[in-house]
Every structure is written in structure tokens, then in C-alpha cells.
């Protein structure tokens, strides 16, 4: 789980003119559009959550009062666009979170697994903006860093938030996820019916995901995620015994795994010392540290490839 504080800004200040009904409070998934959306973010431990209201603002605030979110009212909602409302929410959350998810209030059926995946991706691959996509189509919520907020809300050009993002020069990454809800909204009655059908068809079903197990081999398999974890913990604590305890394996198992890997590699991974003024301990050798780093990078590459292939072959599921 990410150690970063990640908040969210939801814009629900529009007129809902094409829907002919007040979209945030339409029934969906056993609740309403807005409560379903907020609940999904909260399942992924997203907080604080700012909801920008406009039309029926007082009624909407009361509707979500028990959910522990904050609301910001766009008093001029009938004469301003979404970007204006977005800036109100971004100003309210600026400096209170390391990252911020942004989304309109009519995209309620993305999965909390997708939210978690995006947060974890940004942990591993630093970027300023992360945009989810399904089947090549970009969707919501969009994730960006707190440092970018000042530049976004200062934007004076055209194109709204998209224009602000495109003109920022910030590093933008698109992440493919097997989650159709990322690209579904309630813009009009037909879209809303599709949301209802999708909600019914996927009730209680989390999206498909995959887990890649990466082992390195020569004459036998000798280096895997468990050994990488043991080495990381040993470097952290300076003790193989403590590392094995933290990893949930016996000391003899950890020691044998390291010796087997060293035999296959032909060099020492871990250097140990006993006693002396420093009290002894264990630390990665330079070659060991470089090998561990290479394994981590390789494993992440395999994971990224696996996600792309999952979407390619199982997108209908």
C-alpha cells in the first residue's frame, strides 16, 4: 500500500442539462451515483475528498453529509465551466495531500482496485500526471501530484483542465487498466442506462487481475521475490536473522537460499561480519546491490507487460 497521502476532487457542480435529471443523486448500485463514487474512493483509502457542488448544492451536501467528505460550493455554477469548479476544489485540497485524484461526479463505476493500482504505479514510476485508459480510451479519475496544482489553477488558456495539463509540460503517463468503468459516465439518459446495466452485470465482481511471479534460473531456479525481500530486509536491518523473521521464513532457509543463489551467480551477494566494535552484521556487497536492483527493475517490466496483455486478451471480462 502506498505511504503517500492521496486525496480527491470530485466536480458535481454542473447543470445536468443533457440528463434532464440531477445526475449525482440518481439511483445506482444500491445507492446513488455520487455515493457510489465516493464509496469506491474510500475503499481505496483516499482522503481527504472534496466535492464541488453547484446546482442543488445544499441538497447534495446533506445527501453526502454522513460520508465524511468536504464540500465547496460554486456559487456561480450556472455561468462557469467545469474547469472553474475544478480550480475551486484544487485550491481547497492544495497542500493537504501528496497526490490528488480528479474526476467529474458522473463517473461512478470504476473499481477501487484501479485506484489502488494507479497509486502504486506512481510509487514505482514517478510522474506528475497519470491517466487511466481502457481499450485505448482515456478515462477518469486522473491522478496528479500536489506540486502541479499551482500551475494548473494558474492556467489562463483554452481547453479547461485538459488544456492546463497539456500546456504544463509535466511528465504524463497513460496506464492501461482492465476496468470498463473508467470510461463510463452519465452524460445523458442513454449513458445512464448503460451504467445501470453495467452495475447489474458486474455486481460483487472485482475486475480480473494478474500476478506475475518472476524467478531467475540457471541449472535451477535460484532467485525470486522472496529472496529479493530477504536481501532488502537484511540491508535495512543489518541482520539476516531479523530479515528472515520479518519475511516469515526460518534463518536456515534464508541462509541456504542466499548460498544457492551465490553458487549460481558466481559471486557473493551478502557480506557478513561478527563481533568487533561495530557489533557485526550483514550487508549487501556492491555486486549484490546492483543485482537486486536489476531484478526489481526486470520484475516491474514483466508486471507492466502482464497488465497490457491482460487487457489485450481479457478486455471483455
C-alpha atoms as a PDB file:
ATOM      1  CA  UNK A   1       0.000   0.000   0.000  1.00  0.00           C
ATOM      2  CA  UNK A   2       1.224   3.478  -0.843  1.00  0.00           C
ATOM      3  CA  UNK A   3       2.567   5.606   2.022  1.00  0.00           C
ATOM      4  CA  UNK A   4       1.622   8.800   0.195  1.00  0.00           C
ATOM      5  CA  UNK A   5      -1.431  10.816   1.239  1.00  0.00           C
ATOM      6  CA  UNK A   6      -3.794  10.748  -1.708  1.00  0.00           C
ATOM      7  CA  UNK A   7      -6.914  12.901  -1.830  1.00  0.00           C
ATOM      8  CA  UNK A   8      -9.566  13.521  -4.449  1.00  0.00           C
ATOM      9  CA  UNK A   9     -11.549  16.340  -6.023  1.00  0.00           C
ATOM     10  CA  UNK A  10     -14.969  15.483  -7.426  1.00  0.00           C
ATOM     11  CA  UNK A  11     -16.761  18.089  -9.526  1.00  0.00           C
ATOM     12  CA  UNK A  12     -20.537  17.784  -9.213  1.00  0.00           C
ATOM     13  CA  UNK A  13     -21.478  21.403  -9.940  1.00  0.00           C
ATOM     14  CA  UNK A  14     -22.918  21.072 -13.455  1.00  0.00           C
ATOM     15  CA  UNK A  15     -26.429  21.801 -14.664  1.00  0.00           C
ATOM     16  CA  UNK A  16     -27.138  18.173 -15.776  1.00  0.00           C
ATOM     17  CA  UNK A  17     -28.895  19.707 -18.774  1.00  0.00           C
ATOM     18  CA  UNK A  18     -28.478  16.714 -21.086  1.00  0.00           C
ATOM     19  CA  UNK A  19     -29.658  14.267 -18.437  1.00  0.00           C
ATOM     20  CA  UNK A  20     -32.817  16.255 -17.576  1.00  0.00           C
ATOM     21  CA  UNK A  21     -32.351  14.979 -14.014  1.00  0.00           C
ATOM     22  CA  UNK A  22     -29.920  15.802 -11.225  1.00  0.00           C
ATOM     23  CA  UNK A  23     -27.183  13.273 -12.005  1.00  0.00           C
ATOM     24  CA  UNK A  24     -25.349  12.968  -8.665  1.00  0.00           C
ATOM     25  CA  UNK A  25     -28.463  11.753  -6.862  1.00  0.00           C
ATOM     26  CA  UNK A  26     -29.764   9.304  -9.453  1.00  0.00           C
ATOM     27  CA  UNK A  27     -30.078   5.770  -8.035  1.00  0.00           C
ATOM     28  CA  UNK A  28     -27.230   3.399  -8.887  1.00  0.00           C
ATOM     29  CA  UNK A  29     -25.670   0.230  -7.463  1.00  0.00           C
ATOM     30  CA  UNK A  30     -27.900   0.210  -4.397  1.00  0.00           C
ATOM     31  CA  UNK A  31     -27.087   3.831  -3.581  1.00  0.00           C
ATOM     32  CA  UNK A  32     -26.788   6.918  -5.801  1.00  0.00           C
ATOM     33  CA  UNK A  33     -24.266   7.991  -8.416  1.00  0.00           C
ATOM     34  CA  UNK A  34     -22.333  10.283  -6.053  1.00  0.00           C
ATOM     35  CA  UNK A  35     -22.434   7.978  -3.034  1.00  0.00           C
ATOM     36  CA  UNK A  36     -21.246   5.041  -5.164  1.00  0.00           C
ATOM     37  CA  UNK A  37     -18.350   7.132  -6.458  1.00  0.00           C
ATOM     38  CA  UNK A  38     -17.312   8.367  -3.019  1.00  0.00           C
ATOM     39  CA  UNK A  39     -17.602   4.882  -1.558  1.00  0.00           C
ATOM     40  CA  UNK A  40     -15.250   3.484  -4.195  1.00  0.00           C
ATOM     41  CA  UNK A  41     -12.603   6.104  -3.413  1.00  0.00           C
ATOM     42  CA  UNK A  42     -12.923   5.452   0.304  1.00  0.00           C
ATOM     43  CA  UNK A  43     -12.439   1.700  -0.235  1.00  0.00           C
ATOM     44  CA  UNK A  44      -9.046   2.632  -1.645  1.00  0.00           C
ATOM     45  CA  UNK A  45      -8.285   4.797   1.449  1.00  0.00           C
ATOM     46  CA  UNK A  46      -8.492   8.083  -0.448  1.00  0.00           C
ATOM     47  CA  UNK A  47      -8.784  11.127   1.852  1.00  0.00           C
ATOM     48  CA  UNK A  48      -9.440  13.991   2.029  1.00  0.00           C
ATOM     49  CA  UNK A  49     -12.214  14.054  -0.566  1.00  0.00           C
ATOM     50  CA  UNK A  50     -13.516  17.425  -1.781  1.00  0.00           C
ATOM     51  CA  UNK A  51     -16.855  17.575  -3.617  1.00  0.00           C
ATOM     52  CA  UNK A  52     -17.517  20.767  -5.562  1.00  0.00           C
ATOM     53  CA  UNK A  53     -21.235  21.460  -5.657  1.00  0.00           C
ATOM     54  CA  UNK A  54     -23.376  23.849  -7.676  1.00  0.00           C
ATOM     55  CA  UNK A  55     -26.933  23.165  -8.700  1.00  0.00           C
ATOM     56  CA  UNK A  56     -28.905  21.749  -5.755  1.00  0.00           C
ATOM     57  CA  UNK A  57     -25.765  22.288  -3.674  1.00  0.00           C
ATOM     58  CA  UNK A  58     -27.453  22.327  -0.293  1.00  0.00           C
ATOM     59  CA  UNK A  59     -29.447  19.203  -1.062  1.00  0.00           C
ATOM     60  CA  UNK A  60     -26.360  17.379  -2.342  1.00  0.00           C
ATOM     61  CA  UNK A  61     -24.312  18.398   0.709  1.00  0.00           C
ATOM     62  CA  UNK A  62     -26.964  16.947   3.015  1.00  0.00           C
ATOM     63  CA  UNK A  63     -27.127  13.795   0.874  1.00  0.00           C
ATOM     64  CA  UNK A  64     -23.422  13.000   1.474  1.00  0.00           C
ATOM     65  CA  UNK A  65     -23.025  14.605   4.902  1.00  0.00           C
ATOM     66  CA  UNK A  66     -22.585  11.263   6.660  1.00  0.00           C
ATOM     67  CA  UNK A  67     -19.745  10.142   4.370  1.00  0.00           C
ATOM     68  CA  UNK A  68     -17.079  12.356   5.944  1.00  0.00           C
ATOM     69  CA  UNK A  69     -16.274  14.344   2.807  1.00  0.00           C
ATOM     70  CA  UNK A  70     -15.940  18.108   2.406  1.00  0.00           C
ATOM     71  CA  UNK A  71     -17.956  20.272   0.041  1.00  0.00           C
ATOM     72  CA  UNK A  72     -17.095  23.508  -1.725  1.00  0.00           C
ATOM     73  CA  UNK A  73     -19.903  25.495  -3.305  1.00  0.00           C
ATOM     74  CA  UNK A  74     -19.542  27.094  -6.728  1.00  0.00           C
ATOM     75  CA  UNK A  75     -21.968  29.965  -6.236  1.00  0.00           C
ATOM     76  CA  UNK A  76     -21.661  30.936  -9.899  1.00  0.00           C
ATOM     77  CA  UNK A  77     -22.195  27.411 -11.274  1.00  0.00           C
ATOM     78  CA  UNK A  78     -24.722  28.474 -13.920  1.00  0.00           C
ATOM     79  CA  UNK A  79     -22.229  30.843 -15.593  1.00  0.00           C
ATOM     80  CA  UNK A  80     -18.925  28.968 -15.184  1.00  0.00           C
ATOM     81  CA  UNK A  81     -17.448  25.806 -16.677  1.00  0.00           C
ATOM     82  CA  UNK A  82     -16.047  22.618 -15.155  1.00  0.00           C
ATOM     83  CA  UNK A  83     -12.511  23.999 -15.051  1.00  0.00           C
ATOM     84  CA  UNK A  84     -13.646  26.855 -12.815  1.00  0.00           C
ATOM     85  CA  UNK A  85     -15.228  24.328 -10.439  1.00  0.00           C
ATOM     86  CA  UNK A  86     -12.143  22.133 -10.658  1.00  0.00           C
ATOM     87  CA  UNK A  87      -9.945  25.039  -9.571  1.00  0.00           C
ATOM     88  CA  UNK A  88     -12.185  25.661  -6.554  1.00  0.00           C
ATOM     89  CA  UNK A  89     -11.686  22.068  -5.461  1.00  0.00           C
ATOM     90  CA  UNK A  90      -7.962  22.059  -6.189  1.00  0.00           C
ATOM     91  CA  UNK A  91      -7.425  25.220  -4.133  1.00  0.00           C
ATOM     92  CA  UNK A  92      -9.289  23.584  -1.239  1.00  0.00           C
ATOM     93  CA  UNK A  93      -7.081  20.486  -1.288  1.00  0.00           C
ATOM     94  CA  UNK A  94      -3.747  22.072  -2.233  1.00  0.00           C
ATOM     95  CA  UNK A  95      -1.013  21.230   0.277  1.00  0.00           C
ATOM     96  CA  UNK A  96      -3.160  18.685   2.125  1.00  0.00           C
ATOM     97  CA  UNK A  97      -2.223  15.619   0.071  1.00  0.00           C
ATOM     98  CA  UNK A  98       0.801  14.380  -1.833  1.00  0.00           C
ATOM     99  CA  UNK A  99      -1.385  13.399  -4.785  1.00  0.00           C
ATOM    100  CA  UNK A 100      -4.884  14.158  -5.966  1.00  0.00           C
ATOM    101  CA  UNK A 101      -7.376  12.168  -7.999  1.00  0.00           C
ATOM    102  CA  UNK A 102      -9.605  14.388 -10.123  1.00  0.00           C
ATOM    103  CA  UNK A 103     -12.871  13.321 -11.722  1.00  0.00           C
ATOM    104  CA  UNK A 104     -16.332  14.546 -12.660  1.00  0.00           C
ATOM    105  CA  UNK A 105     -19.202  13.404 -10.474  1.00  0.00           C
ATOM    106  CA  UNK A 106     -20.839  11.272 -13.163  1.00  0.00           C
ATOM    107  CA  UNK A 107     -18.111   8.603 -13.485  1.00  0.00           C
ATOM    108  CA  UNK A 108     -19.121   6.294 -10.627  1.00  0.00           C
ATOM    109  CA  UNK A 109     -18.368   2.704 -11.634  1.00  0.00           C
ATOM    110  CA  UNK A 110     -14.584   2.452 -11.815  1.00  0.00           C
ATOM    111  CA  UNK A 111     -13.120  -0.083  -9.397  1.00  0.00           C
ATOM    112  CA  UNK A 112     -11.227   0.696  -6.220  1.00  0.00           C
ATOM    113  CA  UNK A 113      -8.676  -1.846  -7.494  1.00  0.00           C
ATOM    114  CA  UNK A 114      -7.917   0.589 -10.333  1.00  0.00           C
ATOM    115  CA  UNK A 115      -7.475   3.458  -7.879  1.00  0.00           C
ATOM    116  CA  UNK A 116      -5.039   1.399  -5.830  1.00  0.00           C
ATOM    117  CA  UNK A 117      -3.173   0.279  -8.941  1.00  0.00           C
ATOM    118  CA  UNK A 118      -2.710   3.883 -10.064  1.00  0.00           C
ATOM    119  CA  UNK A 119      -1.433   4.951  -6.661  1.00  0.00           C
ATOM    120  CA  UNK A 120       1.037   2.066  -6.542  1.00  0.00           C
ATOM    121  CA  UNK A 121       2.161   2.717 -10.115  1.00  0.00           C
ATOM    122  CA  UNK A 122       3.068   6.300  -9.249  1.00  0.00           C
ATOM    123  CA  UNK A 123       5.033   4.986  -6.257  1.00  0.00           C
ATOM    124  CA  UNK A 124       7.210   2.878  -8.544  1.00  0.00           C
ATOM    125  CA  UNK A 125       7.353   5.088 -11.631  1.00  0.00           C
ATOM    126  CA  UNK A 126       7.396   8.743 -10.595  1.00  0.00           C
ATOM    127  CA  UNK A 127       5.459  11.043 -12.910  1.00  0.00           C
ATOM    128  CA  UNK A 128       3.379  14.191 -12.444  1.00  0.00           C
ATOM    129  CA  UNK A 129       0.217  13.030 -14.202  1.00  0.00           C
ATOM    130  CA  UNK A 130      -1.233   9.521 -14.514  1.00  0.00           C
ATOM    131  CA  UNK A 131      -4.227   8.941 -16.793  1.00  0.00           C
ATOM    132  CA  UNK A 132      -6.121   5.613 -16.849  1.00  0.00           C
ATOM    133  CA  UNK A 133      -7.223   4.052 -20.121  1.00  0.00           C
ATOM    134  CA  UNK A 134      -9.442   1.158 -21.115  1.00  0.00           C
ATOM    135  CA  UNK A 135      -9.172  -0.365 -24.603  1.00  0.00           C
ATOM    136  CA  UNK A 136      -7.154   2.647 -25.733  1.00  0.00           C
ATOM    137  CA  UNK A 137      -9.720   5.168 -24.491  1.00  0.00           C
ATOM    138  CA  UNK A 138      -8.663   7.581 -21.745  1.00  0.00           C
ATOM    139  CA  UNK A 139     -10.905   7.950 -18.712  1.00  0.00           C
ATOM    140  CA  UNK A 140     -11.204   9.033 -15.072  1.00  0.00           C
ATOM    141  CA  UNK A 141     -10.075   9.510 -12.388  1.00  0.00           C
ATOM    142  CA  UNK A 142      -6.860  11.306 -13.324  1.00  0.00           C
ATOM    143  CA  UNK A 143      -4.060  11.343 -10.746  1.00  0.00           C
ATOM    144  CA  UNK A 144      -1.534  14.156 -10.389  1.00  0.00           C
ATOM    145  CA  UNK A 145       0.924  15.431  -7.821  1.00  0.00           C
ATOM    146  CA  UNK A 146       0.266  18.232  -5.361  1.00  0.00           C
ATOM    147  CA  UNK A 147       3.235  20.155  -6.784  1.00  0.00           C
ATOM    148  CA  UNK A 148       1.397  20.516 -10.090  1.00  0.00           C
ATOM    149  CA  UNK A 149      -1.756  22.089  -8.634  1.00  0.00           C
ATOM    150  CA  UNK A 150      -0.409  25.646  -8.552  1.00  0.00           C
ATOM    151  CA  UNK A 151       0.450  25.522 -12.243  1.00  0.00           C
ATOM    152  CA  UNK A 152      -2.926  24.026 -13.187  1.00  0.00           C
ATOM    153  CA  UNK A 153      -5.056  26.593 -11.367  1.00  0.00           C
ATOM    154  CA  UNK A 154      -2.962  29.453 -12.804  1.00  0.00           C
ATOM    155  CA  UNK A 155      -3.734  28.355 -16.374  1.00  0.00           C
ATOM    156  CA  UNK A 156      -5.495  31.049 -18.441  1.00  0.00           C
ATOM    157  CA  UNK A 157      -5.751  29.326 -21.817  1.00  0.00           C
ATOM    158  CA  UNK A 158      -8.405  27.297 -23.578  1.00  0.00           C
ATOM    159  CA  UNK A 159      -9.392  23.674 -23.207  1.00  0.00           C
ATOM    160  CA  UNK A 160     -10.156  23.612 -19.499  1.00  0.00           C
ATOM    161  CA  UNK A 161      -8.274  21.164 -17.289  1.00  0.00           C
ATOM    162  CA  UNK A 162      -7.097  19.135 -20.285  1.00  0.00           C
ATOM    163  CA  UNK A 163      -5.624  22.293 -21.778  1.00  0.00           C
ATOM    164  CA  UNK A 164      -3.945  23.089 -18.469  1.00  0.00           C
ATOM    165  CA  UNK A 165      -2.458  19.588 -18.272  1.00  0.00           C
ATOM    166  CA  UNK A 166      -1.277  19.604 -21.889  1.00  0.00           C
ATOM    167  CA  UNK A 167       0.377  23.014 -21.526  1.00  0.00           C
ATOM    168  CA  UNK A 168       2.069  22.211 -18.209  1.00  0.00           C
ATOM    169  CA  UNK A 169       4.984  20.292 -19.667  1.00  0.00           C
ATOM    170  CA  UNK A 170       4.663  17.850 -16.774  1.00  0.00           C
ATOM    171  CA  UNK A 171       5.554  14.214 -17.343  1.00  0.00           C
ATOM    172  CA  UNK A 172       2.325  12.444 -18.293  1.00  0.00           C
ATOM    173  CA  UNK A 173       1.846   8.669 -18.348  1.00  0.00           C
ATOM    174  CA  UNK A 174      -1.151   6.687 -19.577  1.00  0.00           C
ATOM    175  CA  UNK A 175      -1.777   3.436 -17.708  1.00  0.00           C
ATOM    176  CA  UNK A 176      -3.891   0.729 -19.333  1.00  0.00           C
ATOM    177  CA  UNK A 177      -6.262  -0.947 -16.881  1.00  0.00           C
ATOM    178  CA  UNK A 178      -8.847  -3.708 -17.396  1.00  0.00           C
ATOM    179  CA  UNK A 179     -11.707  -1.646 -15.962  1.00  0.00           C
ATOM    180  CA  UNK A 180     -14.507  -0.504 -18.271  1.00  0.00           C
ATOM    181  CA  UNK A 181     -15.975   1.688 -15.537  1.00  0.00           C
ATOM    182  CA  UNK A 182     -13.121   4.144 -16.065  1.00  0.00           C
ATOM    183  CA  UNK A 183     -14.680   5.293 -19.353  1.00  0.00           C
ATOM    184  CA  UNK A 184     -18.374   5.181 -18.484  1.00  0.00           C
ATOM    185  CA  UNK A 185     -20.315   8.276 -17.408  1.00  0.00           C
ATOM    186  CA  UNK A 186     -23.893   9.516 -17.043  1.00  0.00           C
ATOM    187  CA  UNK A 187     -23.798  12.322 -19.575  1.00  0.00           C
ATOM    188  CA  UNK A 188     -27.280  11.574 -20.933  1.00  0.00           C
ATOM    189  CA  UNK A 189     -30.180   9.140 -20.303  1.00  0.00           C
ATOM    190  CA  UNK A 190     -28.726   6.515 -22.636  1.00  0.00           C
ATOM    191  CA  UNK A 191     -25.363   6.630 -20.846  1.00  0.00           C
ATOM    192  CA  UNK A 192     -27.147   6.302 -17.511  1.00  0.00           C
ATOM    193  CA  UNK A 193     -28.992   3.180 -18.698  1.00  0.00           C
ATOM    194  CA  UNK A 194     -25.666   1.678 -19.708  1.00  0.00           C
ATOM    195  CA  UNK A 195     -24.321   2.431 -16.227  1.00  0.00           C
ATOM    196  CA  UNK A 196     -27.298   0.645 -14.670  1.00  0.00           C
ATOM    197  CA  UNK A 197     -26.789  -2.403 -16.906  1.00  0.00           C
ATOM    198  CA  UNK A 198     -23.060  -2.492 -16.231  1.00  0.00           C
ATOM    199  CA  UNK A 199     -23.619  -2.184 -12.500  1.00  0.00           C
ATOM    200  CA  UNK A 200     -26.043  -5.101 -12.523  1.00  0.00           C
ATOM    201  CA  UNK A 201     -23.765  -7.294 -14.648  1.00  0.00           C
ATOM    202  CA  UNK A 202     -20.680  -6.714 -12.514  1.00  0.00           C
ATOM    203  CA  UNK A 203     -22.295  -6.674  -9.072  1.00  0.00           C
ATOM    204  CA  UNK A 204     -19.906  -8.144  -6.477  1.00  0.00           C
ATOM    205  CA  UNK A 205     -17.337  -8.996  -9.161  1.00  0.00           C
ATOM    206  CA  UNK A 206     -13.920  -7.358  -8.894  1.00  0.00           C
ATOM    207  CA  UNK A 207     -12.127  -6.902 -12.238  1.00  0.00           C
ATOM    208  CA  UNK A 208      -9.720  -9.551 -13.449  1.00  0.00           C
ATOM    209  CA  UNK A 209      -6.146  -9.014 -12.400  1.00  0.00           C
ATOM    210  CA  UNK A 210      -2.937 -10.971 -12.780  1.00  0.00           C
ATOM    211  CA  UNK A 211       0.107 -11.656 -10.658  1.00  0.00           C
ATOM    212  CA  UNK A 212       3.479 -12.243 -12.237  1.00  0.00           C
ATOM    213  CA  UNK A 213       5.927 -14.459 -10.365  1.00  0.00           C
ATOM    214  CA  UNK A 214       9.456 -13.870 -11.624  1.00  0.00           C
ATOM    215  CA  UNK A 215      12.188 -16.408 -10.904  1.00  0.00           C
ATOM    216  CA  UNK A 216      15.698 -16.380 -12.325  1.00  0.00           C
ATOM    217  CA  UNK A 217      17.224 -19.710 -13.332  1.00  0.00           C
ATOM    218  CA  UNK A 218      20.435 -21.326 -14.496  1.00  0.00           C
ATOM    219  CA  UNK A 219      20.731 -25.012 -13.706  1.00  0.00           C
ATOM    220  CA  UNK A 220      17.861 -24.432 -11.255  1.00  0.00           C
ATOM    221  CA  UNK A 221      15.603 -21.635 -10.058  1.00  0.00           C
ATOM    222  CA  UNK A 222      17.681 -19.591  -7.620  1.00  0.00           C
ATOM    223  CA  UNK A 223      16.358 -16.018  -7.287  1.00  0.00           C
ATOM    224  CA  UNK A 224      12.747 -14.977  -6.696  1.00  0.00           C
ATOM    225  CA  UNK A 225      10.640 -12.358  -4.916  1.00  0.00           C
ATOM    226  CA  UNK A 226      11.071 -13.991  -1.513  1.00  0.00           C
ATOM    227  CA  UNK A 227      14.864 -13.920  -1.750  1.00  0.00           C
ATOM    228  CA  UNK A 228      14.786 -10.330  -3.018  1.00  0.00           C
ATOM    229  CA  UNK A 229      12.700  -9.433   0.048  1.00  0.00           C
ATOM    230  CA  UNK A 230      15.123 -11.160   2.402  1.00  0.00           C
ATOM    231  CA  UNK A 231      18.050  -9.253   0.897  1.00  0.00           C
ATOM    232  CA  UNK A 232      16.191  -5.928   1.095  1.00  0.00           C
ATOM    233  CA  UNK A 233      15.328  -6.509   4.748  1.00  0.00           C
ATOM    234  CA  UNK A 234      18.864  -7.595   5.549  1.00  0.00           C
ATOM    235  CA  UNK A 235      20.204  -4.379   4.082  1.00  0.00           C
ATOM    236  CA  UNK A 236      17.594  -2.410   6.015  1.00  0.00           C
ATOM    237  CA  UNK A 237      18.239  -4.013   9.422  1.00  0.00           C
ATOM    238  CA  UNK A 238      21.856  -5.117   9.010  1.00  0.00           C
ATOM    239  CA  UNK A 239      20.848  -8.560  10.204  1.00  0.00           C
ATOM    240  CA  UNK A 240      19.978 -11.680   8.212  1.00  0.00           C
ATOM    241  CA  UNK A 241      18.300 -13.249  11.246  1.00  0.00           C
ATOM    242  CA  UNK A 242      15.975 -10.266  11.678  1.00  0.00           C
ATOM    243  CA  UNK A 243      15.319 -10.124   7.948  1.00  0.00           C
ATOM    244  CA  UNK A 244      14.250 -13.775   7.882  1.00  0.00           C
ATOM    245  CA  UNK A 245      11.958 -13.220  10.849  1.00  0.00           C
ATOM    246  CA  UNK A 246      10.327 -10.228   9.149  1.00  0.00           C
ATOM    247  CA  UNK A 247       9.929 -12.215   5.915  1.00  0.00           C
ATOM    248  CA  UNK A 248       8.340 -15.123   7.769  1.00  0.00           C
ATOM    249  CA  UNK A 249      10.988 -17.741   6.936  1.00  0.00           C
ATOM    250  CA  UNK A 250      13.495 -19.609   9.069  1.00  0.00           C
ATOM    251  CA  UNK A 251      17.078 -18.392   9.309  1.00  0.00           C
ATOM    252  CA  UNK A 252      18.378 -21.652   7.824  1.00  0.00           C
ATOM    253  CA  UNK A 253      16.041 -21.322   4.834  1.00  0.00           C
ATOM    254  CA  UNK A 254      17.161 -17.747   4.195  1.00  0.00           C
ATOM    255  CA  UNK A 255      20.835 -18.604   4.573  1.00  0.00           C
ATOM    256  CA  UNK A 256      20.543 -21.614   2.234  1.00  0.00           C
ATOM    257  CA  UNK A 257      18.653 -19.564  -0.371  1.00  0.00           C
ATOM    258  CA  UNK A 258      21.413 -16.955  -0.416  1.00  0.00           C
ATOM    259  CA  UNK A 259      24.186 -19.559  -0.655  1.00  0.00           C
ATOM    260  CA  UNK A 260      22.365 -21.336  -3.526  1.00  0.00           C
ATOM    261  CA  UNK A 261      21.957 -18.033  -5.405  1.00  0.00           C
ATOM    262  CA  UNK A 262      25.638 -17.186  -4.891  1.00  0.00           C
ATOM    263  CA  UNK A 263      26.664 -20.583  -6.306  1.00  0.00           C
ATOM    264  CA  UNK A 264      24.545 -19.999  -9.409  1.00  0.00           C
ATOM    265  CA  UNK A 265      25.785 -16.427  -9.856  1.00  0.00           C
ATOM    266  CA  UNK A 266      29.418 -16.994  -9.093  1.00  0.00           C
ATOM    267  CA  UNK A 267      29.741 -14.017  -6.743  1.00  0.00           C
ATOM    268  CA  UNK A 268      28.858 -13.030  -3.173  1.00  0.00           C
ATOM    269  CA  UNK A 269      25.524 -11.309  -2.546  1.00  0.00           C
ATOM    270  CA  UNK A 270      25.811 -10.815   1.194  1.00  0.00           C
ATOM    271  CA  UNK A 271      28.819  -9.949   3.321  1.00  0.00           C
ATOM    272  CA  UNK A 272      28.643 -10.850   6.992  1.00  0.00           C
ATOM    273  CA  UNK A 273      30.883  -9.905   9.896  1.00  0.00           C
ATOM    274  CA  UNK A 274      30.928 -10.972  13.519  1.00  0.00           C
ATOM    275  CA  UNK A 275      31.632  -9.116  16.725  1.00  0.00           C
ATOM    276  CA  UNK A 276      34.059  -6.213  16.872  1.00  0.00           C
ATOM    277  CA  UNK A 277      33.338  -2.673  17.955  1.00  0.00           C
ATOM    278  CA  UNK A 278      30.515  -2.331  15.448  1.00  0.00           C
ATOM    279  CA  UNK A 279      28.815  -5.452  16.723  1.00  0.00           C
ATOM    280  CA  UNK A 280      28.947  -7.281  13.375  1.00  0.00           C
ATOM    281  CA  UNK A 281      26.073  -7.701  10.927  1.00  0.00           C
ATOM    282  CA  UNK A 282      25.215  -8.395   7.300  1.00  0.00           C
ATOM    283  CA  UNK A 283      25.137  -6.102   4.270  1.00  0.00           C
ATOM    284  CA  UNK A 284      24.805  -6.451   0.516  1.00  0.00           C
ATOM    285  CA  UNK A 285      28.018  -6.383  -1.476  1.00  0.00           C
ATOM    286  CA  UNK A 286      28.235  -3.833  -4.289  1.00  0.00           C
ATOM    287  CA  UNK A 287      27.553  -6.538  -6.870  1.00  0.00           C
ATOM    288  CA  UNK A 288      24.732  -7.877  -4.721  1.00  0.00           C
ATOM    289  CA  UNK A 289      23.080  -4.463  -4.520  1.00  0.00           C
ATOM    290  CA  UNK A 290      23.361  -3.974  -8.294  1.00  0.00           C
ATOM    291  CA  UNK A 291      21.922  -7.439  -8.965  1.00  0.00           C
ATOM    292  CA  UNK A 292      18.993  -6.853  -6.610  1.00  0.00           C
ATOM    293  CA  UNK A 293      18.246  -3.514  -8.291  1.00  0.00           C
ATOM    294  CA  UNK A 294      18.350  -5.166 -11.727  1.00  0.00           C
ATOM    295  CA  UNK A 295      15.942  -7.876 -10.545  1.00  0.00           C
ATOM    296  CA  UNK A 296      13.487  -5.276  -9.221  1.00  0.00           C
ATOM    297  CA  UNK A 297      13.538  -3.327 -12.479  1.00  0.00           C
ATOM    298  CA  UNK A 298      13.103  -6.505 -14.518  1.00  0.00           C
ATOM    299  CA  UNK A 299      10.190  -7.663 -12.364  1.00  0.00           C
ATOM    300  CA  UNK A 300       8.425  -4.312 -12.768  1.00  0.00           C
ATOM    301  CA  UNK A 301       8.864  -4.549 -16.536  1.00  0.00           C
ATOM    302  CA  UNK A 302       7.283  -8.006 -16.500  1.00  0.00           C
ATOM    303  CA  UNK A 303       4.373  -6.687 -14.415  1.00  0.00           C
ATOM    304  CA  UNK A 304       3.744  -3.827 -16.846  1.00  0.00           C
ATOM    305  CA  UNK A 305       3.800  -6.212 -19.787  1.00  0.00           C
ATOM    306  CA  UNK A 306       1.440  -8.601 -17.985  1.00  0.00           C
ATOM    307  CA  UNK A 307      -1.130  -5.840 -17.391  1.00  0.00           C
ATOM    308  CA  UNK A 308      -1.043  -4.882 -21.079  1.00  0.00           C
ATOM    309  CA  UNK A 309      -1.506  -8.488 -22.143  1.00  0.00           C
ATOM    310  CA  UNK A 310      -4.333  -8.929 -19.638  1.00  0.00           C
ATOM    311  CA  UNK A 311      -6.193  -6.025 -21.210  1.00  0.00           C
ATOM    312  CA  UNK A 312      -5.468  -7.332 -24.708  1.00  0.00           C
ATOM    313  CA  UNK A 313      -6.726 -10.861 -24.135  1.00  0.00           C
ATOM    314  CA  UNK A 314      -9.380 -10.397 -21.428  1.00  0.00           C
ATOM    315  CA  UNK A 315     -10.788  -6.900 -22.020  1.00  0.00           C
ATOM    316  CA  UNK A 316     -14.328  -8.284 -22.465  1.00  0.00           C
ATOM    317  CA  UNK A 317     -14.227  -9.703 -18.934  1.00  0.00           C
END
